[in-house]
Amino acid sequence: MKRKLSSLSKEELQDLLRKQDEEIHSKEKIILKQERQNHKYKDKIAILRKEIKSLNKMMLNLNSKISALTKKIFGKSSEKITETKSQSEKGREDTDIKISHDKKGEKETLSVITKKRNRNFPSDLPRDEVHHKLSDSELNCECGARLKDFTTEENELVDIIPEKIRIRKNICHKYSCSKCKKNIKKAKAPKQFLPCRATNEFVAHVIIQKFMNHIPYNRQSKEFALSGINISRDLMCNYTIYASNEAMSSIVKYLASDLLKSDYIRSDETTLQVIDDSNYKSYIWCHMSGERENRIVIYKYSDNRRKENATEFLSEFKGYHQTDGYSGYDELHNKIYIIYVACMAHVRRKFFEVYEEQNNKKSPAYKILKIIKLLYDIERKIKEFKPDKKKEIRIKKSKKILQDLKETLEKHQKKNKDSTSKFIKAVNYALNRFDALMVYLEDGRLFIDNNDNEQAIRPFAIGRKNWMFFKSSKGAEAAANFYSVILTCLENNINPYQYLLYVFDNWRKIKEDPEKIKEILPHKIGKALIETQVRTLS
């Protein structure tokens, strides 16, 4: 039993108080320790919450990258924004809109031009006529008389003769004098372009298959083997390098010289792998004439992406230079005689990626895409207009839209300070080069984007998926030369195979004369001249 306090002695009461003080002090220590631990836990919880937030953001970024890569590999490449169309709008999808002006220039009217497909085959293609007649018994009429041929009904079908390997056997006849028996002459076979047992036609075919039709040498080798002809991949590589060093390098040199004399150039680049190079990535640079008439396309190979490689080719150029936002061109664009023209397609692409992730037509990205679409609508309508008229319409209509676009972008930049946001990155990308985006207003020859150059570099990207890499830098340089010549031919409506064959057949006559080489450049030579010679040879 507990004793009453009144029954305790003084010493006992003091001892009891001391024990209670010690117990209280001990509990206070425990409470203080728990409070410290709780404070640590709060700090840890705050840190963990920050980490969770950071990881969530990282996960969203990674998911967006996965989505973008998945789309790039498996999805559609179109950047069109889907809109709900009325039935009448759907019916006008295959039409062009033409802007016409009255005499006073005060009113504009829109007229719709319906596109008609041309179903006729080219008149210059050879035609084999196959006559179909009734048999003798089918000419008997029911009345007892005979049917007579009085007219015909014709239709044309496209046909093809698969390529056929043949051997050209050169038989050189020798002649001697029947009287003195001393004078002996021998007819000479025409010398081939390459010192090998292959005709110029065969070499041109191999090169076109590789660089235009994207068929690797090993596949061509297997195809030739089916006909009993064993031509190794290495031998075809030697054909290409020899032809490039002998002729194509000179042609490309003069093409580049003509290109640099122009005042509007567009540039882009893409990667490739060269096995013998120490760098993991090498690069192909594509430079082309800004204007589409007599267009020149130049490919340049380099083993890295340093700014020197980006600007070296254009060091003597003066005029408008259109490209993407690659910082390697900054030094070039800072020169007073170079005017940087930015690419609206790159701006649009960044906002389209954001919109595609969000898939929300109420999102800011979608609204910005709609504004950009207005600019492209105008470009589509004035596509066939002369430069002066294009400039006039752009100043009148496009300039106001661009100003609205800039104001919209600036509002979003002030409103959203999250620099890691993909949307804000797109906003900053556009605003950082907005002055360059407006340059196309000042000259009707300029384009709103650099899509033509991306189209010019696409054949290389398609080919890269097939042949995958080059063994050496010599092969990559040869490829750059042939892509330059072939794409310049295509841009000027010249058959690349016929052009190569013309060059191979005539190179010995013209290789020492720079003026004659300049005359046969793809953007200068007459199409009729090439076709006439090729027909004569065949």
Protein backbone atom coordinates (compact mmCIF):
# COMPACT_ATOMS: atom_id res chain seq x y z
CA MET A 1 0.00 0.00 0.00
CA LYS A 2 1.03 3.50 -0.81
CA ARG A 3 1.75 5.69 2.14
CA LYS A 4 0.19 9.10 2.53
CA LEU A 5 2.40 12.11 1.94
CA SER A 6 1.58 13.41 5.43
CA SER A 7 3.08 10.29 6.96
CA LEU A 8 6.41 10.73 5.10
CA SER A 9 9.39 12.27 6.72
CA LYS A 10 11.17 15.30 5.30
CA GLU A 11 14.01 13.23 3.90
CA GLU A 12 11.54 10.86 2.22
CA LEU A 13 9.63 13.79 0.62
CA GLN A 14 12.86 15.28 -0.73
CA ASP A 15 13.87 11.93 -2.14
CA LEU A 16 10.47 11.53 -3.80
CA LEU A 17 10.66 15.00 -5.37
CA ARG A 18 14.13 14.29 -6.68
CA LYS A 19 12.96 11.08 -8.35
CA GLN A 20 10.01 12.85 -9.98
CA ASP A 21 12.31 15.61 -11.27
CA GLU A 22 14.60 13.00 -12.78
CA GLU A 23 11.64 11.21 -14.36
CA ILE A 24 10.28 14.48 -15.82
CA HIS A 25 13.71 15.43 -17.12
CA SER A 26 14.12 11.99 -18.71
CA LYS A 27 10.72 12.28 -20.42
CA GLU A 28 11.56 15.77 -21.65
CA LYS A 29 14.70 14.35 -23.21
CA ILE A 30 12.65 11.66 -24.92
CA ILE A 31 10.15 14.26 -26.20
CA LEU A 32 12.95 16.52 -27.45
CA LYS A 33 14.59 13.57 -29.22
CA GLN A 34 11.28 12.64 -30.87
CA GLU A 35 10.74 16.25 -31.93
CA ARG A 36 14.19 16.27 -33.52
CA GLN A 37 13.45 13.00 -35.29
CA ASN A 38 10.09 14.37 -36.46
CA HIS A 39 11.87 17.45 -37.82
CA LYS A 40 14.32 15.22 -39.68
CA TYR A 41 11.44 13.17 -41.07
CA LYS A 42 9.73 16.37 -42.23
CA ASP A 43 12.92 17.40 -44.02
CA LYS A 44 13.20 13.94 -45.56
CA ILE A 45 9.56 14.04 -46.59
CA ALA A 46 10.09 17.43 -48.26
CA ILE A 47 13.19 16.12 -50.06
CA LEU A 48 11.35 12.97 -51.15
CA ARG A 49 8.43 15.04 -52.42
CA LYS A 50 10.84 17.12 -54.49
CA GLU A 51 12.44 13.96 -55.83
CA ILE A 52 9.03 12.49 -56.67
CA LYS A 53 8.10 15.71 -58.48
CA SER A 54 11.40 15.66 -60.37
CA LEU A 55 10.99 11.97 -61.24
CA ASN A 56 7.43 12.55 -62.42
CA LYS A 57 8.65 15.36 -64.65
CA MET A 58 11.47 13.16 -65.91
CA MET A 59 9.01 10.35 -66.56
CA LEU A 60 6.76 12.71 -68.55
CA ASN A 61 9.76 13.88 -70.59
CA LEU A 62 10.88 10.30 -71.23
CA ASN A 63 7.33 9.28 -72.18
CA SER A 64 7.15 12.20 -74.60
CA LYS A 65 10.51 11.17 -76.10
CA ILE A 66 9.33 7.57 -76.41
CA SER A 67 6.13 8.77 -78.08
CA ALA A 68 8.11 11.00 -80.44
CA LEU A 69 10.54 8.18 -81.34
CA THR A 70 7.69 5.69 -81.76
CA LYS A 71 5.93 8.12 -84.08
CA LYS A 72 9.15 8.78 -85.98
CA ILE A 73 9.71 5.05 -86.57
CA PHE A 74 6.16 3.76 -86.99
CA GLY A 75 3.86 6.78 -87.31
CA LYS A 76 2.86 9.16 -90.07
CA SER A 77 5.32 11.90 -90.98
CA SER A 78 2.58 14.41 -91.80
CA GLU A 79 2.33 17.47 -89.55
CA LYS A 80 -1.18 18.42 -90.61
CA ILE A 81 -3.54 19.38 -87.81
CA THR A 82 -6.86 17.58 -88.06
CA GLU A 83 -9.94 19.72 -88.47
CA THR A 84 -13.60 18.90 -88.80
CA LYS A 85 -14.60 19.65 -92.38
CA SER A 86 -18.00 20.21 -93.82
CA GLN A 87 -19.15 18.15 -96.80
CA SER A 88 -18.57 21.08 -99.15
CA GLU A 89 -15.03 21.54 -97.86
CA LYS A 90 -14.26 17.86 -98.40
CA GLY A 91 -15.28 18.22 -102.01
CA ARG A 92 -12.74 20.98 -102.53
CA GLU A 93 -9.68 19.11 -101.30
CA ASP A 94 -8.28 18.58 -104.83
CA THR A 95 -8.62 22.19 -105.95
CA ASP A 96 -6.34 25.22 -106.12
CA ILE A 97 -7.38 28.74 -105.08
CA LYS A 98 -6.35 31.61 -107.31
CA ILE A 99 -6.32 35.26 -106.20
CA SER A 100 -7.24 37.72 -108.96
CA HIS A 101 -7.49 41.50 -108.84
CA ASP A 102 -9.65 44.00 -110.66
CA LYS A 103 -8.05 46.73 -112.76
CA LYS A 104 -8.03 49.23 -109.93
CA GLY A 105 -6.51 46.67 -107.58
CA GLU A 106 -9.10 47.45 -104.90
CA LYS A 107 -10.89 44.10 -104.81
CA GLU A 108 -9.72 40.55 -104.70
CA THR A 109 -11.70 37.58 -105.93
CA LEU A 110 -11.05 33.91 -105.28
CA SER A 111 -11.58 31.42 -108.08
CA VAL A 112 -11.35 27.65 -107.73
CA ILE A 113 -9.26 25.75 -110.25
CA THR A 114 -10.07 22.04 -110.47
CA LYS A 115 -7.05 19.83 -111.03
CA LYS A 116 -7.38 17.41 -113.94
CA ARG A 117 -5.28 14.29 -114.16
CA ASN A 118 -3.32 13.79 -117.35
CA ARG A 119 -3.92 10.16 -118.29
CA ASN A 120 -1.90 10.30 -121.55
CA PHE A 121 1.48 8.62 -121.70
CA PRO A 122 4.50 10.73 -122.80
CA SER A 123 4.58 11.04 -126.58
CA ASP A 124 8.36 10.52 -126.79
CA LEU A 125 8.25 6.98 -125.38
CA PRO A 126 8.68 4.21 -127.99
CA ARG A 127 5.49 2.43 -128.98
CA ASP A 128 5.05 -1.13 -130.21
CA GLU A 129 1.84 -1.53 -132.20
CA VAL A 130 0.06 -4.85 -131.77
CA HIS A 131 -2.79 -5.34 -134.26
CA HIS A 132 -5.63 -7.62 -133.23
CA LYS A 133 -7.65 -9.01 -136.15
CA LEU A 134 -10.52 -11.42 -136.51
CA SER A 135 -9.75 -14.90 -137.76
CA ASP A 136 -10.89 -15.91 -141.25
CA SER A 137 -13.91 -17.82 -139.94
CA GLU A 138 -14.98 -14.87 -137.76
CA LEU A 139 -15.21 -12.62 -140.87
CA ASN A 140 -18.28 -14.47 -142.13
CA CYS A 141 -21.49 -12.44 -141.62
CA GLU A 142 -24.85 -14.01 -140.80
CA CYS A 143 -26.25 -12.64 -144.08
CA GLY A 144 -23.66 -14.60 -146.06
CA ALA A 145 -21.36 -11.68 -146.95
CA ARG A 146 -17.85 -11.00 -145.62
CA LEU A 147 -16.93 -8.42 -142.99
CA LYS A 148 -14.54 -5.65 -144.09
CA ASP A 149 -11.99 -3.77 -141.99
CA PHE A 150 -13.27 -0.16 -141.90
CA THR A 151 -11.75 1.41 -138.75
CA THR A 152 -9.84 0.69 -135.55
CA GLU A 153 -10.26 1.23 -131.82
CA GLU A 154 -7.10 1.98 -129.85
CA ASN A 155 -5.99 1.92 -126.23
CA GLU A 156 -2.53 2.14 -124.70
CA LEU A 157 -0.99 0.06 -121.91
CA VAL A 158 2.29 0.77 -120.18
CA ASP A 159 4.82 -2.06 -120.66
CA ILE A 160 8.35 -2.74 -119.47
CA ILE A 161 11.26 -4.87 -120.64
CA PRO A 162 13.22 -6.07 -117.59
CA GLU A 163 16.90 -5.13 -117.66
CA LYS A 164 18.99 -7.63 -119.54
CA ILE A 165 22.73 -8.16 -119.20
CA ARG A 166 24.56 -8.67 -122.46
CA ILE A 167 28.20 -8.83 -123.54
CA ARG A 168 29.45 -6.28 -126.04
CA LYS A 169 32.04 -8.00 -128.20
CA ASN A 170 34.35 -5.50 -129.91
CA ILE A 171 35.75 -6.93 -133.17
CA CYS A 172 38.37 -4.60 -134.60
CA HIS A 173 39.06 -5.28 -138.28
CA LYS A 174 42.57 -4.99 -139.67
CA TYR A 175 43.28 -3.84 -143.21
CA SER A 176 46.39 -4.27 -145.36
CA CYS A 177 47.41 -3.05 -148.79
CA SER A 178 46.88 -5.75 -151.41
CA LYS A 179 49.73 -4.37 -153.50
CA CYS A 180 52.66 -3.52 -151.22
CA LYS A 181 51.54 -5.63 -148.28
CA LYS A 182 53.24 -3.13 -145.95
CA ASN A 183 50.54 -0.69 -144.93
CA ILE A 184 48.39 -2.21 -142.18
CA LYS A 185 45.62 -0.33 -140.41
CA LYS A 186 43.31 -1.41 -137.62
CA ALA A 187 39.91 0.04 -136.73
CA LYS A 188 39.83 1.19 -133.12
CA ALA A 189 37.03 0.45 -130.68
CA PRO A 190 35.88 3.50 -128.69
CA LYS A 191 37.71 3.80 -125.38
CA GLN A 192 35.62 3.35 -122.27
CA PHE A 193 35.52 5.91 -119.48
CA LEU A 194 36.84 3.45 -116.88
CA PRO A 195 39.88 1.21 -117.49
CA CYS A 196 37.89 -1.93 -116.80
CA ARG A 197 35.87 -4.62 -118.55
CA ALA A 198 32.59 -2.76 -118.23
CA THR A 199 30.87 -0.42 -120.67
CA ASN A 200 29.97 3.18 -119.81
CA GLU A 201 26.31 2.09 -119.78
CA PHE A 202 27.04 -0.59 -117.19
CA VAL A 203 29.00 1.76 -114.90
CA ALA A 204 26.28 4.44 -115.15
CA HIS A 205 23.64 1.82 -114.33
CA VAL A 206 25.52 0.63 -111.21
CA ILE A 207 25.88 4.21 -109.94
CA ILE A 208 22.24 5.13 -110.59
CA GLN A 209 21.06 1.96 -108.84
CA LYS A 210 23.15 2.84 -105.78
CA PHE A 211 22.57 6.58 -105.40
CA MET A 212 19.19 7.13 -107.03
CA ASN A 213 17.37 3.84 -106.51
CA HIS A 214 19.05 3.10 -103.13
CA ILE A 215 20.16 -0.44 -104.03
CA PRO A 216 23.38 -1.40 -102.17
CA TYR A 217 26.28 -2.92 -104.08
CA ASN A 218 25.91 -6.30 -102.41
CA ARG A 219 22.32 -6.62 -103.68
CA GLN A 220 23.40 -5.58 -107.17
CA SER A 221 26.19 -8.14 -107.03
CA LYS A 222 23.69 -10.90 -106.19
CA GLU A 223 21.43 -9.79 -109.03
CA PHE A 224 24.30 -9.89 -111.54
CA ALA A 225 25.28 -13.33 -110.25
CA LEU A 226 21.88 -14.66 -111.35
CA SER A 227 23.00 -13.95 -114.93
CA GLY A 228 26.36 -15.62 -114.36
CA ILE A 229 28.34 -12.36 -114.01
CA ASN A 230 30.48 -12.18 -110.88
CA ILE A 231 31.12 -8.54 -110.00
CA SER A 232 32.10 -7.98 -106.40
CA ARG A 233 30.96 -5.16 -104.15
CA ASP A 234 34.56 -3.91 -103.90
CA LEU A 235 34.85 -3.66 -107.67
CA MET A 236 31.68 -1.56 -107.89
CA CYS A 237 33.04 0.67 -105.10
CA ASN A 238 36.17 1.17 -107.20
CA TYR A 239 34.00 2.12 -110.20
CA THR A 240 32.33 4.81 -108.10
CA ILE A 241 35.50 6.27 -106.58
CA TYR A 242 37.33 6.32 -109.93
CA ALA A 243 34.39 7.99 -111.72
CA SER A 244 34.09 10.54 -108.92
CA ASN A 245 37.80 11.43 -108.91
CA GLU A 246 38.06 11.46 -112.70
CA ALA A 247 34.96 13.49 -113.65
CA MET A 248 32.37 14.17 -110.94
CA SER A 249 34.70 16.13 -108.65
CA SER A 250 35.41 18.61 -111.47
CA ILE A 251 31.71 18.96 -112.33
CA VAL A 252 30.82 19.49 -108.66
CA LYS A 253 33.57 22.12 -108.31
CA TYR A 254 32.03 24.22 -111.09
CA LEU A 255 28.51 23.58 -109.76
CA ALA A 256 29.62 24.90 -106.36
CA SER A 257 31.20 27.93 -108.00
CA ASP A 258 27.91 28.78 -109.76
CA LEU A 259 25.95 28.19 -106.57
CA LEU A 260 28.10 30.59 -104.55
CA LYS A 261 27.56 33.32 -107.17
CA SER A 262 23.83 33.34 -106.34
CA ASP A 263 22.39 35.50 -103.55
CA TYR A 264 20.06 32.94 -101.96
CA ILE A 265 21.25 29.59 -100.57
CA ARG A 266 19.47 27.07 -98.35
CA SER A 267 21.34 24.57 -96.16
CA ASP A 268 20.69 21.47 -94.06
CA GLU A 269 22.67 18.49 -92.78
CA THR A 270 22.24 14.85 -91.80
CA THR A 271 24.36 12.11 -90.26
CA LEU A 272 26.09 9.08 -91.71
CA GLN A 273 28.47 6.43 -90.45
CA VAL A 274 31.92 5.96 -91.95
CA ILE A 275 33.64 2.84 -90.61
CA ASP A 276 37.24 4.03 -91.00
CA ASP A 277 36.59 7.43 -89.35
CA SER A 278 37.38 7.73 -85.65
CA ASN A 279 34.22 9.76 -85.02
CA TYR A 280 31.03 7.86 -84.29
CA LYS A 281 29.02 10.29 -86.44
CA SER A 282 30.03 11.90 -89.70
CA TYR A 283 27.93 14.44 -91.59
CA ILE A 284 26.63 15.25 -95.04
CA TRP A 285 25.86 18.94 -95.66
CA CYS A 286 23.36 19.86 -98.35
CA HIS A 287 23.49 23.36 -99.90
CA MET A 288 21.10 24.32 -102.68
CA SER A 289 19.96 27.30 -104.73
CA GLY A 290 17.11 29.15 -103.09
CA GLU A 291 15.24 29.69 -106.33
CA ARG A 292 13.84 26.68 -108.18
CA GLU A 293 14.83 27.68 -111.73
CA ASN A 294 18.22 26.24 -112.79
CA ARG A 295 18.61 24.89 -109.28
CA ILE A 296 21.93 23.51 -108.06
CA VAL A 297 22.28 20.98 -105.22
CA ILE A 298 25.67 20.42 -103.55
CA TYR A 299 26.47 17.68 -101.02
CA LYS A 300 29.60 18.04 -98.87
CA TYR A 301 31.06 15.35 -96.60
CA SER A 302 32.74 16.06 -93.25
CA ASP A 303 33.75 13.81 -90.37
CA ASN A 304 32.22 16.08 -87.69
CA ARG A 305 29.66 18.85 -87.11
CA ARG A 306 32.02 21.63 -86.05
CA LYS A 307 31.06 25.14 -87.14
CA GLU A 308 34.06 25.27 -89.49
CA ASN A 309 32.44 22.58 -91.63
CA ALA A 310 29.14 24.42 -91.55
CA THR A 311 30.59 27.74 -92.66
CA GLU A 312 33.70 26.91 -94.72
CA PHE A 313 31.77 26.23 -97.93
CA LEU A 314 29.84 29.52 -97.56
CA SER A 315 32.79 31.69 -96.52
CA GLU A 316 32.71 33.73 -99.78
CA PHE A 317 28.92 33.77 -100.12
CA LYS A 318 26.92 37.01 -99.92
CA GLY A 319 23.15 37.13 -99.67
CA TYR A 320 20.24 35.33 -98.00
CA HIS A 321 21.03 32.09 -96.16
CA GLN A 322 18.11 29.93 -95.03
CA THR A 323 18.61 27.13 -92.54
CA ASP A 324 17.38 25.71 -89.23
CA GLY A 325 18.49 26.87 -85.78
CA TYR A 326 21.89 25.14 -85.74
CA SER A 327 24.25 27.38 -83.75
CA GLY A 328 27.21 26.48 -85.99
CA TYR A 329 25.94 29.04 -88.50
CA ASP A 330 25.82 31.90 -85.95
CA GLU A 331 29.27 33.20 -86.86
CA LEU A 332 28.33 33.18 -90.55
CA HIS A 333 25.02 34.97 -89.89
CA ASN A 334 26.79 37.69 -87.90
CA LYS A 335 28.55 38.88 -91.05
CA ILE A 336 27.06 42.07 -92.47
CA TYR A 337 26.73 40.62 -95.99
CA ILE A 338 24.82 37.50 -94.82
CA ILE A 339 21.10 37.72 -94.02
CA TYR A 340 19.77 34.82 -91.97
CA VAL A 341 16.37 33.49 -93.07
CA ALA A 342 14.82 31.17 -90.46
CA CYS A 343 12.59 28.18 -91.18
CA MET A 344 8.96 28.37 -90.12
CA ALA A 345 8.56 24.61 -90.61
CA HIS A 346 10.97 23.96 -87.71
CA VAL A 347 8.93 26.29 -85.49
CA ARG A 348 5.71 24.61 -86.50
CA ARG A 349 7.20 21.16 -85.93
CA LYS A 350 8.07 21.95 -82.30
CA PHE A 351 4.54 23.12 -81.51
CA PHE A 352 3.08 20.17 -83.40
CA GLU A 353 5.05 17.76 -81.18
CA VAL A 354 3.57 19.45 -78.09
CA TYR A 355 0.05 19.36 -79.53
CA GLU A 356 0.46 15.71 -80.52
CA GLU A 357 1.35 14.77 -76.94
CA GLN A 358 -1.53 16.76 -75.45
CA ASN A 359 -4.05 15.97 -78.21
CA ASN A 360 -6.14 18.90 -77.03
CA LYS A 361 -7.59 21.43 -79.46
CA LYS A 362 -8.01 23.92 -76.63
CA SER A 363 -4.29 23.88 -75.85
CA PRO A 364 -2.08 26.92 -76.58
CA ALA A 365 0.04 24.80 -78.94
CA TYR A 366 -2.97 24.10 -81.15
CA LYS A 367 -3.93 27.77 -81.24
CA ILE A 368 -0.40 28.72 -82.31
CA LEU A 369 -0.50 26.05 -85.02
CA LYS A 370 -3.72 27.59 -86.31
CA ILE A 371 -2.02 30.98 -86.60
CA ILE A 372 0.93 29.45 -88.46
CA LYS A 373 -1.51 27.66 -90.77
CA LEU A 374 -2.87 31.05 -91.88
CA LEU A 375 0.63 31.96 -93.09
CA TYR A 376 0.88 28.73 -95.09
CA ASP A 377 -2.59 29.24 -96.56
CA ILE A 378 -1.39 32.53 -98.02
CA GLU A 379 1.80 30.91 -99.37
CA ARG A 380 -0.23 28.20 -101.07
CA LYS A 381 -2.47 30.76 -102.79
CA ILE A 382 0.43 32.90 -104.08
CA LYS A 383 2.67 29.97 -105.03
CA GLU A 384 2.59 30.73 -108.79
CA PHE A 385 2.76 34.53 -108.46
CA LYS A 386 5.76 36.59 -109.50
CA PRO A 387 8.16 37.70 -106.71
CA ASP A 388 6.98 41.34 -106.68
CA LYS A 389 3.34 40.29 -106.31
CA LYS A 390 4.25 37.77 -103.59
CA LYS A 391 6.04 40.48 -101.62
CA GLU A 392 3.06 42.84 -101.95
CA ILE A 393 0.57 40.25 -100.64
CA ARG A 394 2.88 39.14 -97.83
CA ILE A 395 3.33 42.72 -96.58
CA LYS A 396 -0.41 43.27 -96.78
CA LYS A 397 -1.57 40.00 -95.14
CA SER A 398 1.25 37.86 -93.70
CA LYS A 399 2.95 40.66 -91.75
CA LYS A 400 -0.12 41.24 -89.54
CA ILE A 401 -0.42 37.50 -88.84
CA LEU A 402 3.27 37.33 -87.88
CA GLN A 403 2.83 40.25 -85.49
CA ASP A 404 -0.15 38.48 -83.87
CA LEU A 405 1.94 35.32 -83.61
CA LYS A 406 4.77 37.18 -81.87
CA GLU A 407 2.38 38.82 -79.38
CA THR A 408 0.83 35.43 -78.58
CA LEU A 409 4.25 33.86 -78.03
CA GLU A 410 5.39 36.71 -75.77
CA LYS A 411 2.24 36.39 -73.63
CA HIS A 412 2.93 32.70 -73.07
CA GLN A 413 6.58 33.40 -72.31
CA LYS A 414 5.65 35.90 -69.57
CA LYS A 415 2.88 33.70 -68.19
CA ASN A 416 4.85 30.44 -67.98
CA LYS A 417 8.33 30.53 -66.43
CA ASP A 418 8.94 26.76 -66.46
CA SER A 419 12.01 26.55 -68.72
CA THR A 420 11.84 22.74 -68.75
CA SER A 421 8.38 22.75 -70.34
CA LYS A 422 8.43 21.49 -73.91
CA PHE A 423 5.87 24.14 -74.85
CA ILE A 424 7.98 26.98 -73.43
CA LYS A 425 11.06 25.57 -75.17
CA ALA A 426 9.12 25.82 -78.44
CA VAL A 427 8.04 29.38 -77.56
CA ASN A 428 11.64 30.41 -76.79
CA TYR A 429 12.90 28.73 -79.96
CA ALA A 430 10.47 30.80 -82.05
CA LEU A 431 11.05 34.11 -80.26
CA ASN A 432 14.85 33.78 -80.31
CA ARG A 433 14.82 33.87 -84.13
CA PHE A 434 11.62 35.76 -84.81
CA ASP A 435 13.34 38.58 -86.72
CA ALA A 436 14.81 35.95 -89.04
CA LEU A 437 11.37 34.36 -89.43
CA MET A 438 10.06 37.66 -90.82
CA VAL A 439 12.86 38.15 -93.38
CA TYR A 440 10.96 36.28 -96.10
CA LEU A 441 8.55 39.23 -96.23
CA GLU A 442 11.18 41.50 -97.79
CA ASP A 443 11.85 39.51 -100.97
CA GLY A 444 9.28 37.56 -103.00
CA ARG A 445 11.93 35.03 -104.06
CA LEU A 446 12.38 33.82 -100.48
CA PHE A 447 10.46 30.89 -99.04
CA ILE A 448 8.70 30.71 -95.68
CA ASP A 449 10.57 27.53 -94.77
CA ASN A 450 13.47 25.29 -95.72
CA ASN A 451 11.35 22.34 -96.83
CA ASP A 452 12.86 22.22 -100.33
CA ASN A 453 16.27 21.50 -98.78
CA GLU A 454 14.81 18.81 -96.53
CA GLN A 455 13.32 17.23 -99.66
CA ALA A 456 16.73 17.41 -101.36
CA ILE A 457 18.45 15.63 -98.48
CA ARG A 458 15.73 12.99 -98.14
CA PRO A 459 17.09 10.70 -100.93
CA PHE A 460 20.30 10.39 -98.93
CA ALA A 461 18.36 9.51 -95.77
CA ILE A 462 16.34 6.87 -97.67
CA GLY A 463 19.51 5.41 -99.18
CA ARG A 464 21.17 5.35 -95.75
CA LYS A 465 18.48 2.95 -94.49
CA ASN A 466 19.52 0.52 -97.24
CA TRP A 467 23.31 0.72 -97.48
CA MET A 468 23.67 1.82 -93.79
CA PHE A 469 27.31 3.03 -93.86
CA PHE A 470 30.42 3.78 -95.95
CA LYS A 471 33.66 1.90 -95.49
CA SER A 472 35.95 4.90 -96.01
CA SER A 473 35.92 8.67 -96.33
CA LYS A 474 36.83 8.28 -100.03
CA GLY A 475 33.57 6.41 -100.57
CA ALA A 476 31.62 9.06 -98.65
CA GLU A 477 33.19 11.87 -100.71
CA ALA A 478 32.41 10.02 -103.95
CA ALA A 479 28.82 9.55 -102.77
CA ALA A 480 28.53 13.28 -102.01
CA ASN A 481 29.70 14.08 -105.56
CA PHE A 482 27.25 11.70 -107.21
CA TYR A 483 24.32 12.85 -105.06
CA SER A 484 25.18 16.44 -106.05
CA VAL A 485 25.11 15.63 -109.76
CA ILE A 486 22.08 13.32 -109.67
CA LEU A 487 19.92 15.68 -107.60
CA THR A 488 20.89 18.69 -109.71
CA CYS A 489 19.83 16.67 -112.77
CA LEU A 490 16.48 15.82 -111.19
CA GLU A 491 15.86 19.45 -110.18
CA ASN A 492 16.43 20.50 -113.81
CA ASN A 493 14.36 17.71 -115.39
CA ILE A 494 17.43 15.91 -116.75
CA ASN A 495 17.54 12.10 -116.78
CA PRO A 496 20.50 11.30 -114.42
CA TYR A 497 21.38 8.04 -116.22
CA GLN A 498 21.48 9.76 -119.61
CA TYR A 499 23.54 12.60 -118.16
CA LEU A 500 26.15 10.27 -116.61
CA LEU A 501 26.37 8.34 -119.86
CA TYR A 502 26.85 11.58 -121.81
CA VAL A 503 29.65 12.67 -119.45
CA PHE A 504 31.38 9.27 -119.55
CA ASP A 505 31.25 9.17 -123.38
CA ASN A 506 32.57 12.70 -123.86
CA TRP A 507 34.89 13.21 -120.87
CA ARG A 508 38.16 12.52 -122.72
CA LYS A 509 37.35 15.35 -125.16
CA ILE A 510 36.39 17.98 -122.60
CA LYS A 511 38.23 17.24 -119.35
CA GLU A 512 41.13 19.60 -120.12
CA ASP A 513 38.88 22.53 -121.10
CA PRO A 514 37.13 24.27 -118.13
CA GLU A 515 34.81 26.17 -120.48
CA LYS A 516 33.53 22.94 -122.03
CA ILE A 517 32.99 21.43 -118.57
CA LYS A 518 30.94 24.49 -117.58
CA GLU A 519 28.79 24.04 -120.71
CA ILE A 520 27.78 20.50 -119.72
CA LEU A 521 26.80 21.24 -116.10
CA PRO A 522 23.35 19.72 -115.38
CA HIS A 523 21.60 23.08 -114.95
CA LYS A 524 23.04 24.42 -118.23
CA ILE A 525 23.19 21.53 -120.68
CA GLY A 526 20.25 21.08 -123.02
CA LYS A 527 17.99 18.11 -122.41
CA ALA A 528 17.62 17.54 -126.16
CA LEU A 529 21.41 17.28 -126.61
CA ILE A 530 21.71 14.46 -124.09
CA GLU A 531 18.68 12.56 -125.42
CA THR A 532 19.91 12.84 -129.04
CA GLN A 533 23.30 11.35 -128.20
CA VAL A 534 21.83 8.57 -126.04
CA ARG A 535 19.40 7.58 -128.82
CA THR A 536 22.28 7.54 -131.32
CA LEU A 537 24.34 5.27 -129.08
CA SER A 538 21.46 2.89 -128.40
